[in-house]
Amino acid sequence: MHFKAKNVAALQTLLGGWPDRMRVEIDPNLGVSAKTVGDLRKISAWPENLAITTPPDPAHGDIIKVSRATHSSRYAPKP
């Protein structure tokens, strides 16, 4: 799933069910640095132009990806 988080609260909602140790892949030059979901949860500022791509199921153990939102995408649910 591809989500565009508007702020830190929306990001926290998106990351709610994912394990802290799950790896995160961030495109270069985005101004955000994190290696794991736990690191992403500690971020205090979230640029509105970034999007999160999550795997279909937490049991898969895939990677969460952070990239620049290049088109209209689904917004995260309200917290």
N, C-alpha and C. Protein backbone atom coordinates (compact mmCIF):
# COMPACT_ATOMS: atom_id res chain seq x y z
N MET A 1 0.83 -1.17 0.00
CA MET A 1 0.00 0.00 0.00
C MET A 1 0.89 1.24 0.00
N HIS A 2 0.43 2.26 -0.66
CA HIS A 2 1.18 3.51 -0.80
C HIS A 2 0.38 4.63 -0.13
N PHE A 3 0.96 5.26 0.88
CA PHE A 3 0.28 6.30 1.64
C PHE A 3 1.11 7.57 1.67
N LYS A 4 0.44 8.70 1.64
CA LYS A 4 1.10 9.99 1.81
C LYS A 4 0.71 10.51 3.19
N ALA A 5 1.68 10.56 4.09
CA ALA A 5 1.42 11.04 5.45
C ALA A 5 1.59 12.55 5.47
N LYS A 6 0.58 13.26 5.96
CA LYS A 6 0.61 14.72 5.99
C LYS A 6 1.48 15.27 7.11
N ASN A 7 1.58 14.52 8.21
CA ASN A 7 2.31 15.01 9.39
C ASN A 7 2.79 13.83 10.23
N VAL A 8 3.42 14.14 11.36
CA VAL A 8 3.98 13.10 12.22
C VAL A 8 2.86 12.23 12.81
N ALA A 9 1.73 12.82 13.16
CA ALA A 9 0.63 12.04 13.73
C ALA A 9 0.12 11.01 12.72
N ALA A 10 0.00 11.40 11.46
CA ALA A 10 -0.43 10.47 10.42
C ALA A 10 0.62 9.38 10.21
N LEU A 11 1.89 9.75 10.29
CA LEU A 11 2.97 8.77 10.16
C LEU A 11 2.88 7.74 11.29
N GLN A 12 2.64 8.22 12.52
CA GLN A 12 2.53 7.31 13.66
C GLN A 12 1.36 6.34 13.47
N THR A 13 0.27 6.81 12.91
CA THR A 13 -0.88 5.95 12.65
C THR A 13 -0.53 4.88 11.62
N LEU A 14 0.19 5.26 10.59
CA LEU A 14 0.61 4.30 9.56
C LEU A 14 1.53 3.22 10.12
N LEU A 15 2.39 3.60 11.04
CA LEU A 15 3.38 2.68 11.57
C LEU A 15 2.86 1.87 12.75
N GLY A 16 1.62 2.09 13.14
CA GLY A 16 1.05 1.48 14.33
C GLY A 16 1.27 -0.01 14.49
N GLY A 17 1.01 -0.81 13.48
CA GLY A 17 1.08 -2.26 13.61
C GLY A 17 2.39 -2.90 13.18
N TRP A 18 3.33 -2.11 12.73
CA TRP A 18 4.58 -2.67 12.22
C TRP A 18 5.60 -2.82 13.35
N PRO A 19 6.39 -3.89 13.34
CA PRO A 19 7.38 -4.11 14.40
C PRO A 19 8.51 -3.08 14.34
N ASP A 20 9.02 -2.69 15.51
CA ASP A 20 10.09 -1.70 15.60
C ASP A 20 11.36 -2.10 14.85
N ARG A 21 11.63 -3.38 14.77
CA ARG A 21 12.88 -3.85 14.12
C ARG A 21 12.77 -4.00 12.60
N MET A 22 11.61 -3.76 12.05
CA MET A 22 11.43 -3.89 10.61
C MET A 22 12.28 -2.85 9.89
N ARG A 23 12.96 -3.27 8.83
CA ARG A 23 13.86 -2.38 8.09
C ARG A 23 13.09 -1.33 7.30
N VAL A 24 13.74 -0.18 7.15
CA VAL A 24 13.18 0.93 6.38
C VAL A 24 14.19 1.30 5.30
N GLU A 25 13.71 1.51 4.09
CA GLU A 25 14.54 1.95 2.97
C GLU A 25 14.08 3.35 2.57
N ILE A 26 15.00 4.32 2.62
CA ILE A 26 14.66 5.71 2.31
C ILE A 26 15.43 6.16 1.08
N ASP A 27 14.71 6.74 0.13
CA ASP A 27 15.36 7.28 -1.06
C ASP A 27 16.36 8.36 -0.64
N PRO A 28 17.47 8.51 -1.37
CA PRO A 28 18.48 9.51 -1.01
C PRO A 28 17.96 10.94 -1.15
N ASN A 29 18.56 11.83 -0.40
CA ASN A 29 18.29 13.28 -0.46
C ASN A 29 16.87 13.66 -0.08
N LEU A 30 16.25 12.96 0.88
CA LEU A 30 14.91 13.31 1.33
C LEU A 30 14.92 14.08 2.64
N GLY A 31 16.04 14.12 3.32
CA GLY A 31 16.13 14.84 4.58
C GLY A 31 15.62 14.05 5.77
N VAL A 32 15.39 12.75 5.58
CA VAL A 32 14.93 11.87 6.65
C VAL A 32 15.92 10.72 6.73
N SER A 33 16.27 10.35 7.96
CA SER A 33 17.17 9.20 8.10
C SER A 33 16.62 8.25 9.16
N ALA A 34 16.50 6.99 8.79
CA ALA A 34 16.04 5.95 9.70
C ALA A 34 16.43 4.61 9.10
N LYS A 35 16.78 3.68 9.95
CA LYS A 35 17.13 2.33 9.49
C LYS A 35 16.00 1.34 9.79
N THR A 36 15.21 1.66 10.83
CA THR A 36 14.13 0.77 11.24
C THR A 36 12.84 1.56 11.48
N VAL A 37 11.75 0.83 11.63
CA VAL A 37 10.47 1.47 11.94
C VAL A 37 10.56 2.19 13.29
N GLY A 38 11.28 1.61 14.23
CA GLY A 38 11.48 2.25 15.52
C GLY A 38 12.12 3.62 15.38
N ASP A 39 13.09 3.74 14.47
CA ASP A 39 13.73 5.03 14.20
C ASP A 39 12.74 6.01 13.58
N LEU A 40 11.89 5.53 12.68
CA LEU A 40 10.88 6.40 12.06
C LEU A 40 9.90 6.94 13.10
N ARG A 41 9.58 6.11 14.09
CA ARG A 41 8.64 6.55 15.14
C ARG A 41 9.22 7.70 15.98
N LYS A 42 10.52 7.83 16.01
CA LYS A 42 11.18 8.87 16.81
C LYS A 42 11.31 10.20 16.08
N ILE A 43 10.95 10.25 14.80
CA ILE A 43 11.08 11.47 14.00
C ILE A 43 10.12 12.53 14.53
N SER A 44 10.62 13.76 14.68
CA SER A 44 9.79 14.84 15.22
C SER A 44 9.19 15.74 14.14
N ALA A 45 9.73 15.69 12.93
CA ALA A 45 9.20 16.51 11.82
C ALA A 45 9.11 15.63 10.57
N TRP A 46 7.97 15.71 9.90
CA TRP A 46 7.74 14.90 8.70
C TRP A 46 7.34 15.80 7.54
N PRO A 47 8.14 15.85 6.48
CA PRO A 47 7.77 16.67 5.31
C PRO A 47 6.50 16.13 4.65
N GLU A 48 5.63 17.01 4.24
CA GLU A 48 4.35 16.62 3.68
C GLU A 48 4.47 15.96 2.31
N ASN A 49 5.61 16.14 1.64
CA ASN A 49 5.76 15.61 0.29
C ASN A 49 6.36 14.21 0.25
N LEU A 50 6.36 13.49 1.37
CA LEU A 50 6.91 12.14 1.39
C LEU A 50 5.79 11.11 1.51
N ALA A 51 6.05 9.94 0.95
CA ALA A 51 5.07 8.85 0.97
C ALA A 51 5.70 7.59 1.54
N ILE A 52 4.87 6.75 2.11
CA ILE A 52 5.29 5.48 2.71
C ILE A 52 4.68 4.35 1.89
N THR A 53 5.48 3.36 1.55
CA THR A 53 4.98 2.16 0.89
C THR A 53 5.18 0.99 1.84
N THR A 54 4.09 0.32 2.18
CA THR A 54 4.14 -0.79 3.13
C THR A 54 3.80 -2.10 2.43
N PRO A 55 4.35 -3.21 2.93
CA PRO A 55 4.00 -4.51 2.36
C PRO A 55 2.56 -4.87 2.73
N PRO A 56 1.95 -5.82 2.04
CA PRO A 56 0.55 -6.16 2.29
C PRO A 56 0.28 -6.75 3.68
N ASP A 57 1.28 -7.38 4.29
CA ASP A 57 1.06 -8.07 5.56
C ASP A 57 2.31 -7.98 6.43
N PRO A 58 2.17 -7.63 7.72
CA PRO A 58 3.35 -7.54 8.59
C PRO A 58 4.10 -8.86 8.73
N ALA A 59 3.45 -9.98 8.52
CA ALA A 59 4.10 -11.28 8.65
C ALA A 59 5.12 -11.54 7.54
N HIS A 60 5.03 -10.81 6.44
CA HIS A 60 5.96 -11.03 5.33
C HIS A 60 7.38 -10.62 5.66
N GLY A 61 7.57 -9.67 6.58
CA GLY A 61 8.90 -9.24 6.95
C GLY A 61 9.61 -8.45 5.87
N ASP A 62 8.87 -7.84 4.98
CA ASP A 62 9.47 -7.03 3.92
C ASP A 62 9.96 -5.70 4.46
N ILE A 63 10.25 -4.80 3.57
CA ILE A 63 10.80 -3.49 3.92
C ILE A 63 9.74 -2.42 3.70
N ILE A 64 9.71 -1.43 4.60
CA ILE A 64 8.88 -0.25 4.40
C ILE A 64 9.73 0.76 3.66
N LYS A 65 9.18 1.35 2.61
CA LYS A 65 9.95 2.29 1.79
C LYS A 65 9.41 3.70 1.96
N VAL A 66 10.34 4.67 2.00
CA VAL A 66 9.98 6.08 2.08
C VAL A 66 10.50 6.73 0.80
N SER A 67 9.62 7.46 0.11
CA SER A 67 10.01 8.10 -1.14
C SER A 67 9.27 9.43 -1.27
N ARG A 68 9.64 10.19 -2.26
CA ARG A 68 8.97 11.46 -2.54
C ARG A 68 7.63 11.15 -3.19
N ALA A 69 6.58 11.82 -2.73
CA ALA A 69 5.25 11.64 -3.31
C ALA A 69 5.22 12.42 -4.62
N THR A 70 5.14 11.70 -5.73
CA THR A 70 5.19 12.34 -7.04
C THR A 70 3.82 12.53 -7.65
N HIS A 71 2.82 11.93 -7.05
CA HIS A 71 1.47 12.06 -7.57
C HIS A 71 0.49 11.96 -6.42
N SER A 72 -0.75 12.22 -6.69
CA SER A 72 -1.78 12.12 -5.67
C SER A 72 -1.85 10.68 -5.18
N SER A 73 -1.76 10.51 -3.90
CA SER A 73 -1.83 9.16 -3.35
C SER A 73 -2.80 9.14 -2.18
N ARG A 74 -3.06 8.00 -1.68
CA ARG A 74 -3.98 7.82 -0.58
C ARG A 74 -3.38 8.42 0.68
N TYR A 75 -4.17 9.21 1.39
CA TYR A 75 -3.70 9.80 2.64
C TYR A 75 -3.88 8.80 3.78
N ALA A 76 -3.04 8.93 4.77
CA ALA A 76 -3.12 8.07 5.94
C ALA A 76 -4.43 8.33 6.69
N PRO A 77 -4.95 7.32 7.37
CA PRO A 77 -6.16 7.53 8.14
C PRO A 77 -5.94 8.53 9.26
N LYS A 78 -6.99 9.25 9.65
CA LYS A 78 -6.87 10.24 10.71
C LYS A 78 -6.64 9.53 12.03
N PRO A 79 -5.74 10.06 12.87
CA PRO A 79 -5.45 9.40 14.16
C PRO A 79 -6.60 9.49 15.14
